[in-house]
Amino acid sequence: MSVTLSENAAKHVASFIDRRGKGYGIRLGVRTSGCSGMAYKLEFVDDTQDEDLVFESHGVKVVVDPKSLPYIDGTELDFVREGLNEGFKFNNPNVKDACGCGESFNV
């Protein structure tokens, strides 16, 4: 079981942590939301909880709570630029369907 970052995503996250001046890494999880059932949560994390799982990818730590892991196991978080738009892209092999706007998914 693992969650990884692409090299681009790791550079982007590391840059934000440097500008922020502190941070352990990022927390990736899921929450119930949207028309398809679940949405991703992504936030900076300064410390971990006892039950958290920690993965490291390209020098950046990714913290995942055990309840979210079954839904995002195998996911690669990428950072992409398409024209004038840029942002994180979740390459999740568990997704069976996603809503049209891309805000939520189900497994």
PDB file of N, CA and C in Angstrom:
ATOM      1  N   MET A   1       0.842  -1.181   0.000  1.00  0.00           N
ATOM      2  CA  MET A   1       0.000   0.000   0.000  1.00  0.00           C
ATOM      3  C   MET A   1       0.884   1.240   0.000  1.00  0.00           C
ATOM      4  N   SER A   2       0.532   2.176  -0.880  1.00  0.00           N
ATOM      5  CA  SER A   2       1.314   3.406  -0.915  1.00  0.00           C
ATOM      6  C   SER A   2       0.578   4.508  -1.668  1.00  0.00           C
ATOM      7  N   VAL A   3       1.023   5.711  -1.429  1.00  0.00           N
ATOM      8  CA  VAL A   3       0.593   6.897  -2.143  1.00  0.00           C
ATOM      9  C   VAL A   3       1.875   7.629  -2.514  1.00  0.00           C
ATOM     10  N   THR A   4       1.975   8.082  -3.767  1.00  0.00           N
ATOM     11  CA  THR A   4       3.213   8.705  -4.224  1.00  0.00           C
ATOM     12  C   THR A   4       2.947  10.080  -4.836  1.00  0.00           C
ATOM     13  N   LEU A   5       4.015  10.821  -5.006  1.00  0.00           N
ATOM     14  CA  LEU A   5       4.002  12.105  -5.693  1.00  0.00           C
ATOM     15  C   LEU A   5       4.851  11.980  -6.944  1.00  0.00           C
ATOM     16  N   SER A   6       4.443  12.637  -8.014  1.00  0.00           N
ATOM     17  CA  SER A   6       5.313  12.737  -9.181  1.00  0.00           C
ATOM     18  C   SER A   6       6.445  13.702  -8.815  1.00  0.00           C
ATOM     19  N   GLU A   7       7.466  13.725  -9.624  1.00  0.00           N
ATOM     20  CA  GLU A   7       8.573  14.637  -9.363  1.00  0.00           C
ATOM     21  C   GLU A   7       8.092  16.089  -9.400  1.00  0.00           C
ATOM     22  N   ASN A   8       7.219  16.429 -10.355  1.00  0.00           N
ATOM     23  CA  ASN A   8       6.675  17.793 -10.433  1.00  0.00           C
ATOM     24  C   ASN A   8       5.875  18.157  -9.195  1.00  0.00           C
ATOM     25  N   ALA A   9       5.041  17.237  -8.728  1.00  0.00           N
ATOM     26  CA  ALA A   9       4.231  17.502  -7.534  1.00  0.00           C
ATOM     27  C   ALA A   9       5.130  17.681  -6.309  1.00  0.00           C
ATOM     28  N   ALA A  10       6.146  16.840  -6.181  1.00  0.00           N
ATOM     29  CA  ALA A  10       7.062  16.939  -5.032  1.00  0.00           C
ATOM     30  C   ALA A  10       7.787  18.280  -5.032  1.00  0.00           C
ATOM     31  N   LYS A  11       8.234  18.733  -6.188  1.00  0.00           N
ATOM     32  CA  LYS A  11       8.909  20.038  -6.270  1.00  0.00           C
ATOM     33  C   LYS A  11       7.953  21.163  -5.879  1.00  0.00           C
ATOM     34  N   HIS A  12       6.720  21.082  -6.353  1.00  0.00           N
ATOM     35  CA  HIS A  12       5.729  22.112  -6.052  1.00  0.00           C
ATOM     36  C   HIS A  12       5.413  22.148  -4.552  1.00  0.00           C
ATOM     37  N   VAL A  13       5.198  20.989  -3.945  1.00  0.00           N
ATOM     38  CA  VAL A  13       4.896  20.918  -2.516  1.00  0.00           C
ATOM     39  C   VAL A  13       6.088  21.405  -1.703  1.00  0.00           C
ATOM     40  N   ALA A  14       7.299  20.961  -2.046  1.00  0.00           N
ATOM     41  CA  ALA A  14       8.502  21.384  -1.320  1.00  0.00           C
ATOM     42  C   ALA A  14       8.673  22.902  -1.386  1.00  0.00           C
ATOM     43  N   SER A  15       8.377  23.483  -2.535  1.00  0.00           N
ATOM     44  CA  SER A  15       8.474  24.928  -2.694  1.00  0.00           C
ATOM     45  C   SER A  15       7.485  25.649  -1.775  1.00  0.00           C
ATOM     46  N   PHE A  16       6.251  25.152  -1.688  1.00  0.00           N
ATOM     47  CA  PHE A  16       5.257  25.751  -0.807  1.00  0.00           C
ATOM     48  C   PHE A  16       5.656  25.603   0.660  1.00  0.00           C
ATOM     49  N   ILE A  17       6.185  24.459   1.038  1.00  0.00           N
ATOM     50  CA  ILE A  17       6.617  24.258   2.426  1.00  0.00           C
ATOM     51  C   ILE A  17       7.752  25.221   2.756  1.00  0.00           C
ATOM     52  N   ASP A  18       8.695  25.415   1.823  1.00  0.00           N
ATOM     53  CA  ASP A  18       9.783  26.367   2.040  1.00  0.00           C
ATOM     54  C   ASP A  18       9.247  27.788   2.234  1.00  0.00           C
ATOM     55  N   ARG A  19       8.321  28.201   1.376  1.00  0.00           N
ATOM     56  CA  ARG A  19       7.754  29.546   1.485  1.00  0.00           C
ATOM     57  C   ARG A  19       6.934  29.708   2.763  1.00  0.00           C
ATOM     58  N   ARG A  20       6.310  28.637   3.178  1.00  0.00           N
ATOM     59  CA  ARG A  20       5.498  28.638   4.400  1.00  0.00           C
ATOM     60  C   ARG A  20       6.384  28.760   5.642  1.00  0.00           C
ATOM     61  N   GLY A  21       7.607  28.249   5.535  1.00  0.00           N
ATOM     62  CA  GLY A  21       8.553  28.350   6.642  1.00  0.00           C
ATOM     63  C   GLY A  21       8.478  27.220   7.641  1.00  0.00           C
ATOM     64  N   LYS A  22       7.547  26.311   7.468  1.00  0.00           N
ATOM     65  CA  LYS A  22       7.429  25.158   8.353  1.00  0.00           C
ATOM     66  C   LYS A  22       6.573  24.113   7.651  1.00  0.00           C
ATOM     67  N   GLY A  23       6.617  22.904   8.185  1.00  0.00           N
ATOM     68  CA  GLY A  23       5.761  21.854   7.645  1.00  0.00           C
ATOM     69  C   GLY A  23       6.459  20.518   7.599  1.00  0.00           C
ATOM     70  N   TYR A  24       5.697  19.493   7.936  1.00  0.00           N
ATOM     71  CA  TYR A  24       6.186  18.119   7.913  1.00  0.00           C
ATOM     72  C   TYR A  24       6.022  17.521   6.517  1.00  0.00           C
ATOM     73  N   GLY A  25       4.948  17.909   5.850  1.00  0.00           N
ATOM     74  CA  GLY A  25       4.631  17.382   4.529  1.00  0.00           C
ATOM     75  C   GLY A  25       3.213  17.754   4.167  1.00  0.00           C
ATOM     76  N   ILE A  26       2.538  16.866   3.414  1.00  0.00           N
ATOM     77  CA  ILE A  26       1.142  17.096   3.069  1.00  0.00           C
ATOM     78  C   ILE A  26       0.297  15.925   3.532  1.00  0.00           C
ATOM     79  N   ARG A  27      -0.961  16.216   3.812  1.00  0.00           N
ATOM     80  CA  ARG A  27      -1.922  15.184   4.189  1.00  0.00           C
ATOM     81  C   ARG A  27      -2.868  15.003   3.014  1.00  0.00           C
ATOM     82  N   LEU A  28      -3.017  13.762   2.597  1.00  0.00           N
ATOM     83  CA  LEU A  28      -3.932  13.413   1.519  1.00  0.00           C
ATOM     84  C   LEU A  28      -4.970  12.462   2.080  1.00  0.00           C
ATOM     85  N   GLY A  29      -6.225  12.761   1.837  1.00  0.00           N
ATOM     86  CA  GLY A  29      -7.300  11.905   2.317  1.00  0.00           C
ATOM     87  C   GLY A  29      -8.544  12.094   1.481  1.00  0.00           C
ATOM     88  N   VAL A  30      -9.636  11.490   1.923  1.00  0.00           N
ATOM     89  CA  VAL A  30     -10.921  11.639   1.245  1.00  0.00           C
ATOM     90  C   VAL A  30     -11.984  12.018   2.261  1.00  0.00           C
ATOM     91  N   ARG A  31     -13.036  12.641   1.756  1.00  0.00           N
ATOM     92  CA  ARG A  31     -14.190  12.981   2.585  1.00  0.00           C
ATOM     93  C   ARG A  31     -15.438  12.726   1.754  1.00  0.00           C
ATOM     94  N   THR A  32     -16.551  12.516   2.408  1.00  0.00           N
ATOM     95  CA  THR A  32     -17.813  12.334   1.711  1.00  0.00           C
ATOM     96  C   THR A  32     -18.260  13.688   1.178  1.00  0.00           C
ATOM     97  N   SER A  33     -18.494  13.742  -0.148  1.00  0.00           N
ATOM     98  CA  SER A  33     -18.860  15.011  -0.753  1.00  0.00           C
ATOM     99  C   SER A  33     -19.216  14.809  -2.222  1.00  0.00           C
ATOM    100  N   GLY A  34     -19.892  15.785  -2.773  1.00  0.00           N
ATOM    101  CA  GLY A  34     -20.131  15.822  -4.204  1.00  0.00           C
ATOM    102  C   GLY A  34     -21.176  14.837  -4.693  1.00  0.00           C
ATOM    103  N   CYS A  35     -21.409  14.884  -5.986  1.00  0.00           N
ATOM    104  CA  CYS A  35     -22.460  14.060  -6.571  1.00  0.00           C
ATOM    105  C   CYS A  35     -22.029  12.613  -6.791  1.00  0.00           C
ATOM    106  N   SER A  36     -20.736  12.331  -6.760  1.00  0.00           N
ATOM    107  CA  SER A  36     -20.268  10.952  -6.947  1.00  0.00           C
ATOM    108  C   SER A  36     -19.907  10.252  -5.643  1.00  0.00           C
ATOM    109  N   GLY A  37     -19.886  10.969  -4.537  1.00  0.00           N
ATOM    110  CA  GLY A  37     -19.697  10.312  -3.248  1.00  0.00           C
ATOM    111  C   GLY A  37     -18.501  10.731  -2.432  1.00  0.00           C
ATOM    112  N   MET A  38     -17.334  10.909  -3.047  1.00  0.00           N
ATOM    113  CA  MET A  38     -16.132  11.253  -2.288  1.00  0.00           C
ATOM    114  C   MET A  38     -15.343  12.349  -3.000  1.00  0.00           C
ATOM    115  N   ALA A  39     -14.622  13.126  -2.208  1.00  0.00           N
ATOM    116  CA  ALA A  39     -13.739  14.158  -2.742  1.00  0.00           C
ATOM    117  C   ALA A  39     -12.405  14.060  -2.014  1.00  0.00           C
ATOM    118  N   TYR A  40     -11.361  14.497  -2.678  1.00  0.00           N
ATOM    119  CA  TYR A  40     -10.028  14.482  -2.082  1.00  0.00           C
ATOM    120  C   TYR A  40      -9.864  15.644  -1.109  1.00  0.00           C
ATOM    121  N   LYS A  41      -9.086  15.412  -0.056  1.00  0.00           N
ATOM    122  CA  LYS A  41      -8.652  16.455   0.871  1.00  0.00           C
ATOM    123  C   LYS A  41      -7.143  16.544   0.725  1.00  0.00           C
ATOM    124  N   LEU A  42      -6.632  17.732   0.612  1.00  0.00           N
ATOM    125  CA  LEU A  42      -5.195  17.944   0.492  1.00  0.00           C
ATOM    126  C   LEU A  42      -4.842  19.170   1.316  1.00  0.00           C
ATOM    127  N   GLU A  43      -3.931  18.996   2.289  1.00  0.00           N
ATOM    128  CA  GLU A  43      -3.552  20.110   3.144  1.00  0.00           C
ATOM    129  C   GLU A  43      -2.142  19.912   3.674  1.00  0.00           C
ATOM    130  N   PHE A  44      -1.539  21.010   4.102  1.00  0.00           N
ATOM    131  CA  PHE A  44      -0.233  20.913   4.734  1.00  0.00           C
ATOM    132  C   PHE A  44      -0.397  20.302   6.108  1.00  0.00           C
ATOM    133  N   VAL A  45       0.622  19.610   6.558  1.00  0.00           N
ATOM    134  CA  VAL A  45       0.578  19.004   7.884  1.00  0.00           C
ATOM    135  C   VAL A  45       1.880  19.338   8.616  1.00  0.00           C
ATOM    136  N   ASP A  46       1.734  19.718   9.878  1.00  0.00           N
ATOM    137  CA  ASP A  46       2.896  20.070  10.691  1.00  0.00           C
ATOM    138  C   ASP A  46       3.285  18.963  11.656  1.00  0.00           C
ATOM    139  N   ASP A  47       2.364  18.047  11.928  1.00  0.00           N
ATOM    140  CA  ASP A  47       2.674  16.903  12.777  1.00  0.00           C
ATOM    141  C   ASP A  47       1.729  15.763  12.407  1.00  0.00           C
ATOM    142  N   THR A  48       1.984  14.609  12.932  1.00  0.00           N
ATOM    143  CA  THR A  48       1.184  13.429  12.597  1.00  0.00           C
ATOM    144  C   THR A  48       0.463  12.903  13.835  1.00  0.00           C
ATOM    145  N   GLN A  49      -0.547  12.099  13.577  1.00  0.00           N
ATOM    146  CA  GLN A  49      -1.272  11.392  14.630  1.00  0.00           C
ATOM    147  C   GLN A  49      -0.695   9.983  14.727  1.00  0.00           C
ATOM    148  N   ASP A  50      -0.904   9.318  15.846  1.00  0.00           N
ATOM    149  CA  ASP A  50      -0.353   7.974  16.046  1.00  0.00           C
ATOM    150  C   ASP A  50      -0.783   6.991  14.965  1.00  0.00           C
ATOM    151  N   GLU A  51      -2.022   7.100  14.500  1.00  0.00           N
ATOM    152  CA  GLU A  51      -2.545   6.132  13.533  1.00  0.00           C
ATOM    153  C   GLU A  51      -2.186   6.469  12.081  1.00  0.00           C
ATOM    154  N   ASP A  52      -1.624   7.638  11.827  1.00  0.00           N
ATOM    155  CA  ASP A  52      -1.288   8.052  10.461  1.00  0.00           C
ATOM    156  C   ASP A  52      -0.251   7.137   9.826  1.00  0.00           C
ATOM    157  N   LEU A  53      -0.373   6.987   8.517  1.00  0.00           N
ATOM    158  CA  LEU A  53       0.625   6.280   7.713  1.00  0.00           C
ATOM    159  C   LEU A  53       1.415   7.348   6.964  1.00  0.00           C
ATOM    160  N   VAL A  54       2.725   7.186   6.896  1.00  0.00           N
ATOM    161  CA  VAL A  54       3.570   8.184   6.249  1.00  0.00           C
ATOM    162  C   VAL A  54       4.338   7.522   5.117  1.00  0.00           C
ATOM    163  N   PHE A  55       4.219   8.108   3.926  1.00  0.00           N
ATOM    164  CA  PHE A  55       4.950   7.668   2.747  1.00  0.00           C
ATOM    165  C   PHE A  55       5.865   8.809   2.332  1.00  0.00           C
ATOM    166  N   GLU A  56       7.005   8.487   1.752  1.00  0.00           N
ATOM    167  CA  GLU A  56       7.902   9.531   1.273  1.00  0.00           C
ATOM    168  C   GLU A  56       8.130   9.339  -0.212  1.00  0.00           C
ATOM    169  N   SER A  57       8.041  10.444  -0.939  1.00  0.00           N
ATOM    170  CA  SER A  57       8.192  10.404  -2.384  1.00  0.00           C
ATOM    171  C   SER A  57       8.979  11.626  -2.830  1.00  0.00           C
ATOM    172  N   HIS A  58      10.118  11.407  -3.465  1.00  0.00           N
ATOM    173  CA  HIS A  58      10.991  12.490  -3.939  1.00  0.00           C
ATOM    174  C   HIS A  58      11.320  13.471  -2.817  1.00  0.00           C
ATOM    175  N   GLY A  59      11.508  12.948  -1.605  1.00  0.00           N
ATOM    176  CA  GLY A  59      11.910  13.772  -0.475  1.00  0.00           C
ATOM    177  C   GLY A  59      10.779  14.475   0.253  1.00  0.00           C
ATOM    178  N   VAL A  60       9.533  14.260  -0.157  1.00  0.00           N
ATOM    179  CA  VAL A  60       8.384  14.902   0.490  1.00  0.00           C
ATOM    180  C   VAL A  60       7.544  13.831   1.173  1.00  0.00           C
ATOM    181  N   LYS A  61       7.145  14.109   2.403  1.00  0.00           N
ATOM    182  CA  LYS A  61       6.329  13.157   3.156  1.00  0.00           C
ATOM    183  C   LYS A  61       4.842  13.358   2.838  1.00  0.00           C
ATOM    184  N   VAL A  62       4.153  12.236   2.612  1.00  0.00           N
ATOM    185  CA  VAL A  62       2.715  12.224   2.367  1.00  0.00           C
ATOM    186  C   VAL A  62       2.067  11.462   3.516  1.00  0.00           C
ATOM    187  N   VAL A  63       1.210  12.139   4.259  1.00  0.00           N
ATOM    188  CA  VAL A  63       0.549  11.562   5.429  1.00  0.00           C
ATOM    189  C   VAL A  63      -0.878  11.174   5.036  1.00  0.00           C
ATOM    190  N   VAL A  64      -1.263   9.942   5.386  1.00  0.00           N
ATOM    191  CA  VAL A  64      -2.591   9.435   5.046  1.00  0.00           C
ATOM    192  C   VAL A  64      -3.206   8.788   6.286  1.00  0.00           C
ATOM    193  N   ASP A  65      -4.480   9.104   6.546  1.00  0.00           N
ATOM    194  CA  ASP A  65      -5.157   8.445   7.664  1.00  0.00           C
ATOM    195  C   ASP A  65      -5.598   7.054   7.208  1.00  0.00           C
ATOM    196  N   PRO A  66      -5.652   6.086   8.121  1.00  0.00           N
ATOM    197  CA  PRO A  66      -5.957   4.706   7.738  1.00  0.00           C
ATOM    198  C   PRO A  66      -7.339   4.511   7.117  1.00  0.00           C
ATOM    199  N   LYS A  67      -8.321   5.372   7.424  1.00  0.00           N
ATOM    200  CA  LYS A  67      -9.648   5.237   6.830  1.00  0.00           C
ATOM    201  C   LYS A  67      -9.652   5.650   5.362  1.00  0.00           C
ATOM    202  N   SER A  68      -8.794   6.582   4.977  1.00  0.00           N
ATOM    203  CA  SER A  68      -8.732   7.043   3.583  1.00  0.00           C
ATOM    204  C   SER A  68      -7.921   6.115   2.691  1.00  0.00           C
ATOM    205  N   LEU A  69      -6.947   5.412   3.267  1.00  0.00           N
ATOM    206  CA  LEU A  69      -6.022   4.632   2.445  1.00  0.00           C
ATOM    207  C   LEU A  69      -6.688   3.645   1.496  1.00  0.00           C
ATOM    208  N   PRO A  70      -7.714   2.889   1.885  1.00  0.00           N
ATOM    209  CA  PRO A  70      -8.309   1.949   0.921  1.00  0.00           C
ATOM    210  C   PRO A  70      -8.844   2.627  -0.341  1.00  0.00           C
ATOM    211  N   TYR A  71      -9.239   3.894  -0.234  1.00  0.00           N
ATOM    212  CA  TYR A  71      -9.792   4.618  -1.373  1.00  0.00           C
ATOM    213  C   TYR A  71      -8.722   5.255  -2.259  1.00  0.00           C
ATOM    214  N   ILE A  72      -7.529   5.474  -1.694  1.00  0.00           N
ATOM    215  CA  ILE A  72      -6.481   6.169  -2.455  1.00  0.00           C
ATOM    216  C   ILE A  72      -5.198   5.350  -2.602  1.00  0.00           C
ATOM    217  N   ASP A  73      -5.227   4.095  -2.178  1.00  0.00           N
ATOM    218  CA  ASP A  73      -4.045   3.242  -2.307  1.00  0.00           C
ATOM    219  C   ASP A  73      -3.628   3.162  -3.773  1.00  0.00           C
ATOM    220  N   GLY A  74      -2.359   3.397  -4.028  1.00  0.00           N
ATOM    221  CA  GLY A  74      -1.836   3.345  -5.391  1.00  0.00           C
ATOM    222  C   GLY A  74      -1.919   4.664  -6.136  1.00  0.00           C
ATOM    223  N   THR A  75      -2.479   5.688  -5.494  1.00  0.00           N
ATOM    224  CA  THR A  75      -2.643   6.985  -6.137  1.00  0.00           C
ATOM    225  C   THR A  75      -1.310   7.697  -6.292  1.00  0.00           C
ATOM    226  N   GLU A  76      -1.133   8.323  -7.451  1.00  0.00           N
ATOM    227  CA  GLU A  76      -0.005   9.226  -7.665  1.00  0.00           C
ATOM    228  C   GLU A  76      -0.581  10.628  -7.796  1.00  0.00           C
ATOM    229  N   LEU A  77      -0.072  11.539  -6.992  1.00  0.00           N
ATOM    230  CA  LEU A  77      -0.459  12.938  -7.065  1.00  0.00           C
ATOM    231  C   LEU A  77       0.520  13.631  -7.995  1.00  0.00           C
ATOM    232  N   ASP A  78       0.002  14.241  -9.046  1.00  0.00           N
ATOM    233  CA  ASP A  78       0.838  14.926 -10.031  1.00  0.00           C
ATOM    234  C   ASP A  78       0.492  16.409 -10.002  1.00  0.00           C
ATOM    235  N   PHE A  79       1.400  17.239 -10.489  1.00  0.00           N
ATOM    236  CA  PHE A  79       1.135  18.661 -10.653  1.00  0.00           C
ATOM    237  C   PHE A  79       1.293  18.968 -12.125  1.00  0.00           C
ATOM    238  N   VAL A  80       0.207  19.429 -12.752  1.00  0.00           N
ATOM    239  CA  VAL A  80       0.223  19.624 -14.198  1.00  0.00           C
ATOM    240  C   VAL A  80      -0.139  21.054 -14.565  1.00  0.00           C
ATOM    241  N   ARG A  81       0.370  21.459 -15.723  1.00  0.00           N
ATOM    242  CA  ARG A  81       0.026  22.751 -16.311  1.00  0.00           C
ATOM    243  C   ARG A  81      -0.541  22.484 -17.688  1.00  0.00           C
ATOM    244  N   GLU A  82      -1.745  22.968 -17.891  1.00  0.00           N
ATOM    245  CA  GLU A  82      -2.417  22.816 -19.179  1.00  0.00           C
ATOM    246  C   GLU A  82      -2.885  24.189 -19.616  1.00  0.00           C
ATOM    247  N   GLY A  83      -2.185  24.777 -20.565  1.00  0.00           N
ATOM    248  CA  GLY A  83      -2.513  26.137 -20.989  1.00  0.00           C
ATOM    249  C   GLY A  83      -2.293  27.108 -19.853  1.00  0.00           C
ATOM    250  N   LEU A  84      -3.316  27.872 -19.527  1.00  0.00           N
ATOM    251  CA  LEU A  84      -3.220  28.846 -18.437  1.00  0.00           C
ATOM    252  C   LEU A  84      -3.549  28.249 -17.083  1.00  0.00           C
ATOM    253  N   ASN A  85      -4.014  27.004 -17.072  1.00  0.00           N
ATOM    254  CA  ASN A  85      -4.414  26.348 -15.827  1.00  0.00           C
ATOM    255  C   ASN A  85      -3.306  25.463 -15.276  1.00  0.00           C
ATOM    256  N   GLU A  86      -3.228  25.415 -13.966  1.00  0.00           N
ATOM    257  CA  GLU A  86      -2.293  24.508 -13.311  1.00  0.00           C
ATOM    258  C   GLU A  86      -2.934  24.010 -12.032  1.00  0.00           C
ATOM    259  N   GLY A  87      -2.532  22.809 -11.632  1.00  0.00           N
ATOM    260  CA  GLY A  87      -3.074  22.265 -10.401  1.00  0.00           C
ATOM    261  C   GLY A  87      -2.694  20.811 -10.215  1.00  0.00           C
ATOM    262  N   PHE A  88      -3.134  20.271  -9.093  1.00  0.00           N
ATOM    263  CA  PHE A  88      -2.856  18.879  -8.777  1.00  0.00           C
ATOM    264  C   PHE A  88      -3.815  17.975  -9.528  1.00  0.00           C
ATOM    265  N   LYS A  89      -3.303  16.841  -9.967  1.00  0.00           N
ATOM    266  CA  LYS A  89      -4.107  15.825 -10.639  1.00  0.00           C
ATOM    267  C   LYS A  89      -3.916  14.521  -9.873  1.00  0.00           C
ATOM    268  N   PHE A  90      -5.025  13.890  -9.528  1.00  0.00           N
ATOM    269  CA  PHE A  90      -4.998  12.649  -8.773  1.00  0.00           C
ATOM    270  C   PHE A  90      -5.124  11.481  -9.748  1.00  0.00           C
ATOM    271  N   ASN A  91      -4.066  10.705  -9.887  1.00  0.00           N
ATOM    272  CA  ASN A  91      -4.088   9.504 -10.727  1.00  0.00           C
ATOM    273  C   ASN A  91      -4.366   8.324  -9.812  1.00  0.00           C
ATOM    274  N   ASN A  92      -5.671   8.053  -9.628  1.00  0.00           N
ATOM    275  CA  ASN A  92      -6.118   7.056  -8.670  1.00  0.00           C
ATOM    276  C   ASN A  92      -6.649   5.826  -9.409  1.00  0.00           C
ATOM    277  N   PRO A  93      -5.952   4.690  -9.301  1.00  0.00           N
ATOM    278  CA  PRO A  93      -6.388   3.488 -10.019  1.00  0.00           C
ATOM    279  C   PRO A  93      -7.681   2.879  -9.478  1.00  0.00           C
ATOM    280  N   ASN A  94      -8.153   3.326  -8.329  1.00  0.00           N
ATOM    281  CA  ASN A  94      -9.359   2.774  -7.708  1.00  0.00           C
ATOM    282  C   ASN A  94     -10.652   3.420  -8.194  1.00  0.00           C
ATOM    283  N   VAL A  95     -10.560   4.562  -8.876  1.00  0.00           N
ATOM    284  CA  VAL A  95     -11.749   5.297  -9.285  1.00  0.00           C
ATOM    285  C   VAL A  95     -12.510   4.526 -10.358  1.00  0.00           C
ATOM    286  N   LYS A  96     -13.788   4.299 -10.077  1.00  0.00           N
ATOM    287  CA  LYS A  96     -14.656   3.624 -11.047  1.00  0.00           C
ATOM    288  C   LYS A  96     -15.491   4.636 -11.825  1.00  0.00           C
ATOM    289  N   ASP A  97     -15.790   5.782 -11.208  1.00  0.00           N
ATOM    290  CA  ASP A  97     -16.606   6.797 -11.853  1.00  0.00           C
ATOM    291  C   ASP A  97     -16.315   8.143 -11.192  1.00  0.00           C
ATOM    292  N   ALA A  98     -16.423   9.212 -11.973  1.00  0.00           N
ATOM    293  CA  ALA A  98     -16.221  10.560 -11.454  1.00  0.00           C
ATOM    294  C   ALA A  98     -17.321  11.454 -11.993  1.00  0.00           C
ATOM    295  N   CYS A  99     -17.620  12.511 -11.262  1.00  0.00           N
ATOM    296  CA  CYS A  99     -18.643  13.434 -11.731  1.00  0.00           C
ATOM    297  C   CYS A  99     -18.090  14.250 -12.898  1.00  0.00           C
ATOM    298  N   GLY A 100     -18.960  14.876 -13.637  1.00  0.00           N
ATOM    299  CA  GLY A 100     -18.558  15.644 -14.810  1.00  0.00           C
ATOM    300  C   GLY A 100     -17.660  16.816 -14.516  1.00  0.00           C
ATOM    301  N   CYS A 101     -17.818  17.431 -13.362  1.00  0.00           N
ATOM    302  CA  CYS A 101     -16.993  18.596 -13.025  1.00  0.00           C
ATOM    303  C   CYS A 101     -15.638  18.206 -12.444  1.00  0.00           C
ATOM    304  N   GLY A 102     -15.460  16.923 -12.118  1.00  0.00           N
ATOM    305  CA  GLY A 102     -14.176  16.462 -11.592  1.00  0.00           C
ATOM    306  C   GLY A 102     -13.971  16.683 -10.119  1.00  0.00           C
ATOM    307  N   GLU A 103     -15.005  17.117  -9.409  1.00  0.00           N
ATOM    308  CA  GLU A 103     -14.881  17.396  -7.984  1.00  0.00           C
ATOM    309  C   GLU A 103     -14.998  16.164  -7.096  1.00  0.00           C
ATOM    310  N   SER A 104     -15.698  15.125  -7.578  1.00  0.00           N
ATOM    311  CA  SER A 104     -15.885  13.962  -6.728  1.00  0.00           C
ATOM    312  C   SER A 104     -15.788  12.681  -7.546  1.00  0.00           C
ATOM    313  N   PHE A 105     -15.668  11.548  -6.812  1.00  0.00           N
ATOM    314  CA  PHE A 105     -15.479  10.258  -7.454  1.00  0.00           C
ATOM    315  C   PHE A 105     -16.075   9.177  -6.588  1.00  0.00           C
ATOM    316  N   ASN A 106     -16.163   7.948  -7.139  1.00  0.00           N
ATOM    317  CA  ASN A 106     -16.523   6.790  -6.320  1.00  0.00           C
ATOM    318  C   ASN A 106     -15.647   5.616  -6.716  1.00  0.00           C
ATOM    319  N   VAL A 107     -15.536   4.676  -5.804  1.00  0.00           N
ATOM    320  CA  VAL A 107     -14.708   3.480  -6.040  1.00  0.00           C
ATOM    321  C   VAL A 107     -15.553   2.229  -5.980  1.00  0.00           C
TER     322      VAL A 107
END
